Amino acid sequence: MGVFSEAIEVVCSPAGQPLRLTWGGRTYKVGADPVRWYERRNWWEEETRAERGHGAGLVDTEIWRVQARVNDRSDLRTLDLSHHVRSDRWRLIRIHDALRDST
């Protein structure tokens, strides 16, 4: 499993669920239902204060685990994406299996 952080583009359903992502000049289609959870971050290292009632997006980071592929013949790859809700920025943070050249 590789752990890093790289900006990516994500297209979501109207409900906010990832459908496609663009990374490294390639577009990957989500091929299975993604799983979402939240991870606590060290917000105090970046913010001086946290307003009461503003924990989502400040204290917790939305994480999505997706299985995606380049095309219908390629293998599914498991990726973890972080979503910064306030800025709508997405980052690829983990690759659970090596991304081979799939065509």
C-alpha atoms as a PDB file:
ATOM      1  CA  MET A   1       0.000   0.000   0.000  1.00  0.00           C
ATOM      2  CA  GLY A   2       1.342   3.407  -0.954  1.00  0.00           C
ATOM      3  CA  VAL A   3       0.593   6.424   1.246  1.00  0.00           C
ATOM      4  CA  PHE A   4       0.938   9.957  -0.147  1.00  0.00           C
ATOM      5  CA  SER A   5      -1.120  12.996  -1.020  1.00  0.00           C
ATOM      6  CA  GLU A   6      -1.735  14.201  -4.551  1.00  0.00           C
ATOM      7  CA  ALA A   7      -4.444  16.492  -5.909  1.00  0.00           C
ATOM      8  CA  ILE A   8      -7.012  14.820  -8.172  1.00  0.00           C
ATOM      9  CA  GLU A   9     -10.232  15.770  -9.932  1.00  0.00           C
ATOM     10  CA  VAL A  10     -13.400  13.937  -8.890  1.00  0.00           C
ATOM     11  CA  VAL A  11     -16.846  13.939 -10.501  1.00  0.00           C
ATOM     12  CA  CYS A  12     -19.628  13.060  -8.064  1.00  0.00           C
ATOM     13  CA  SER A  13     -23.264  12.016  -8.232  1.00  0.00           C
ATOM     14  CA  PRO A  14     -25.897  14.543  -7.063  1.00  0.00           C
ATOM     15  CA  ALA A  15     -25.723  12.794  -3.663  1.00  0.00           C
ATOM     16  CA  GLY A  16     -21.967  13.505  -3.434  1.00  0.00           C
ATOM     17  CA  GLN A  17     -20.718   9.980  -4.160  1.00  0.00           C
ATOM     18  CA  PRO A  18     -17.582   9.738  -6.377  1.00  0.00           C
ATOM     19  CA  LEU A  19     -18.290   8.474  -9.906  1.00  0.00           C
ATOM     20  CA  ARG A  20     -15.065   9.271 -11.823  1.00  0.00           C
ATOM     21  CA  LEU A  21     -11.625  10.572 -10.985  1.00  0.00           C
ATOM     22  CA  THR A  22      -8.804  11.976 -13.053  1.00  0.00           C
ATOM     23  CA  TRP A  23      -5.265  11.315 -11.887  1.00  0.00           C
ATOM     24  CA  GLY A  24      -1.967  11.217 -13.737  1.00  0.00           C
ATOM     25  CA  GLY A  25      -3.610  12.211 -17.008  1.00  0.00           C
ATOM     26  CA  ARG A  26      -5.972   9.226 -16.931  1.00  0.00           C
ATOM     27  CA  THR A  27      -9.662   9.017 -16.094  1.00  0.00           C
ATOM     28  CA  TYR A  28     -10.820   6.197 -13.821  1.00  0.00           C
ATOM     29  CA  LYS A  29     -14.442   5.112 -13.485  1.00  0.00           C
ATOM     30  CA  VAL A  30     -15.638   3.967 -10.054  1.00  0.00           C
ATOM     31  CA  GLY A  31     -16.650   0.338 -10.556  1.00  0.00           C
ATOM     32  CA  ALA A  32     -18.147  -0.569  -7.175  1.00  0.00           C
ATOM     33  CA  ASP A  33     -20.059   1.240  -4.444  1.00  0.00           C
ATOM     34  CA  PRO A  34     -17.598   3.499  -2.588  1.00  0.00           C
ATOM     35  CA  VAL A  35     -17.329   3.460   1.198  1.00  0.00           C
ATOM     36  CA  ARG A  36     -17.201   6.708   3.222  1.00  0.00           C
ATOM     37  CA  TRP A  37     -15.934   7.424   6.728  1.00  0.00           C
ATOM     38  CA  TYR A  38     -14.391  10.326   8.639  1.00  0.00           C
ATOM     39  CA  GLU A  39     -10.900  10.662  10.112  1.00  0.00           C
ATOM     40  CA  ARG A  40      -9.886  13.139  12.768  1.00  0.00           C
ATOM     41  CA  ARG A  41      -7.197  15.593  11.741  1.00  0.00           C
ATOM     42  CA  ASN A  42      -4.918  17.870  13.788  1.00  0.00           C
ATOM     43  CA  TRP A  43      -6.964  20.979  13.051  1.00  0.00           C
ATOM     44  CA  TRP A  44      -5.208  22.988  15.769  1.00  0.00           C
ATOM     45  CA  GLU A  45      -2.005  22.902  13.689  1.00  0.00           C
ATOM     46  CA  GLU A  46      -3.794  24.842  10.928  1.00  0.00           C
ATOM     47  CA  GLU A  47      -6.571  26.800  12.668  1.00  0.00           C
ATOM     48  CA  THR A  48      -6.357  29.030  15.720  1.00  0.00           C
ATOM     49  CA  ARG A  49      -9.920  28.358  16.884  1.00  0.00           C
ATOM     50  CA  ALA A  50     -12.775  26.008  16.126  1.00  0.00           C
ATOM     51  CA  GLU A  51     -16.235  27.537  16.333  1.00  0.00           C
ATOM     52  CA  ARG A  52     -18.808  25.540  18.237  1.00  0.00           C
ATOM     53  CA  GLY A  53     -20.876  23.420  15.854  1.00  0.00           C
ATOM     54  CA  HIS A  54     -18.341  23.593  13.008  1.00  0.00           C
ATOM     55  CA  GLY A  55     -16.610  20.227  13.428  1.00  0.00           C
ATOM     56  CA  ALA A  56     -17.495  18.685  10.067  1.00  0.00           C
ATOM     57  CA  GLY A  57     -14.808  19.646   7.586  1.00  0.00           C
ATOM     58  CA  LEU A  58     -12.720  21.318  10.287  1.00  0.00           C
ATOM     59  CA  VAL A  59     -12.143  18.548  12.787  1.00  0.00           C
ATOM     60  CA  ASP A  60     -13.004  15.546  10.644  1.00  0.00           C
ATOM     61  CA  THR A  61     -11.905  14.782   7.093  1.00  0.00           C
ATOM     62  CA  GLU A  62     -14.207  12.908   4.749  1.00  0.00           C
ATOM     63  CA  ILE A  63     -12.485   9.801   3.350  1.00  0.00           C
ATOM     64  CA  TRP A  64     -13.798   7.688   0.467  1.00  0.00           C
ATOM     65  CA  ARG A  65     -12.496   4.239  -0.469  1.00  0.00           C
ATOM     66  CA  VAL A  66     -13.211   3.600  -4.134  1.00  0.00           C
ATOM     67  CA  GLN A  67     -12.545   0.775  -6.529  1.00  0.00           C
ATOM     68  CA  ALA A  68     -11.845   2.255  -9.934  1.00  0.00           C
ATOM     69  CA  ARG A  69     -10.627   1.195 -13.366  1.00  0.00           C
ATOM     70  CA  VAL A  70      -9.509   2.843 -16.588  1.00  0.00           C
ATOM     71  CA  ASN A  71     -11.812   0.757 -18.784  1.00  0.00           C
ATOM     72  CA  ASP A  72     -14.106  -2.270 -18.611  1.00  0.00           C
ATOM     73  CA  ARG A  73     -11.228  -4.688 -19.342  1.00  0.00           C
ATOM     74  CA  SER A  74      -8.852  -3.372 -16.688  1.00  0.00           C
ATOM     75  CA  ASP A  75      -8.637  -4.572 -13.094  1.00  0.00           C
ATOM     76  CA  LEU A  76     -10.282  -2.645 -10.282  1.00  0.00           C
ATOM     77  CA  ARG A  77      -7.830  -0.706  -8.109  1.00  0.00           C
ATOM     78  CA  THR A  78      -8.573   0.256  -4.509  1.00  0.00           C
ATOM     79  CA  LEU A  79      -7.861   3.913  -3.713  1.00  0.00           C
ATOM     80  CA  ASP A  80      -8.526   6.146  -0.702  1.00  0.00           C
ATOM     81  CA  LEU A  81      -9.517   9.739  -1.418  1.00  0.00           C
ATOM     82  CA  SER A  82      -9.783  12.604   1.035  1.00  0.00           C
ATOM     83  CA  HIS A  83     -12.356  15.312   0.445  1.00  0.00           C
ATOM     84  CA  HIS A  84     -12.013  18.739   2.028  1.00  0.00           C
ATOM     85  CA  VAL A  85     -15.688  19.675   2.117  1.00  0.00           C
ATOM     86  CA  ARG A  86     -15.290  23.430   2.676  1.00  0.00           C
ATOM     87  CA  SER A  87     -13.050  23.928  -0.362  1.00  0.00           C
ATOM     88  CA  ASP A  88     -14.341  20.901  -2.343  1.00  0.00           C
ATOM     89  CA  ARG A  89     -10.725  19.783  -2.872  1.00  0.00           C
ATOM     90  CA  TRP A  90      -9.938  16.102  -3.397  1.00  0.00           C
ATOM     91  CA  ARG A  91      -6.649  14.280  -2.792  1.00  0.00           C
ATOM     92  CA  LEU A  92      -5.535  10.744  -3.500  1.00  0.00           C
ATOM     93  CA  ILE A  93      -3.998   9.601  -0.214  1.00  0.00           C
ATOM     94  CA  ARG A  94      -3.602   5.806  -0.450  1.00  0.00           C
ATOM     95  CA  ILE A  95      -3.197   3.172  -3.136  1.00  0.00           C
ATOM     96  CA  HIS A  96      -3.967  -0.278  -1.782  1.00  0.00           C
ATOM     97  CA  ASP A  97      -2.594  -2.203  -4.749  1.00  0.00           C
ATOM     98  CA  ALA A  98      -0.042  -1.266  -7.381  1.00  0.00           C
ATOM     99  CA  LEU A  99      -1.436   0.659 -10.328  1.00  0.00           C
ATOM    100  CA  ARG A 100      -0.224  -1.310 -13.312  1.00  0.00           C
ATOM    101  CA  ASP A 101      -0.485   0.034 -16.824  1.00  0.00           C
ATOM    102  CA  SER A 102      -4.027  -1.103 -17.668  1.00  0.00           C
ATOM    103  CA  THR A 103      -5.341  -0.733 -21.193  1.00  0.00           C
END
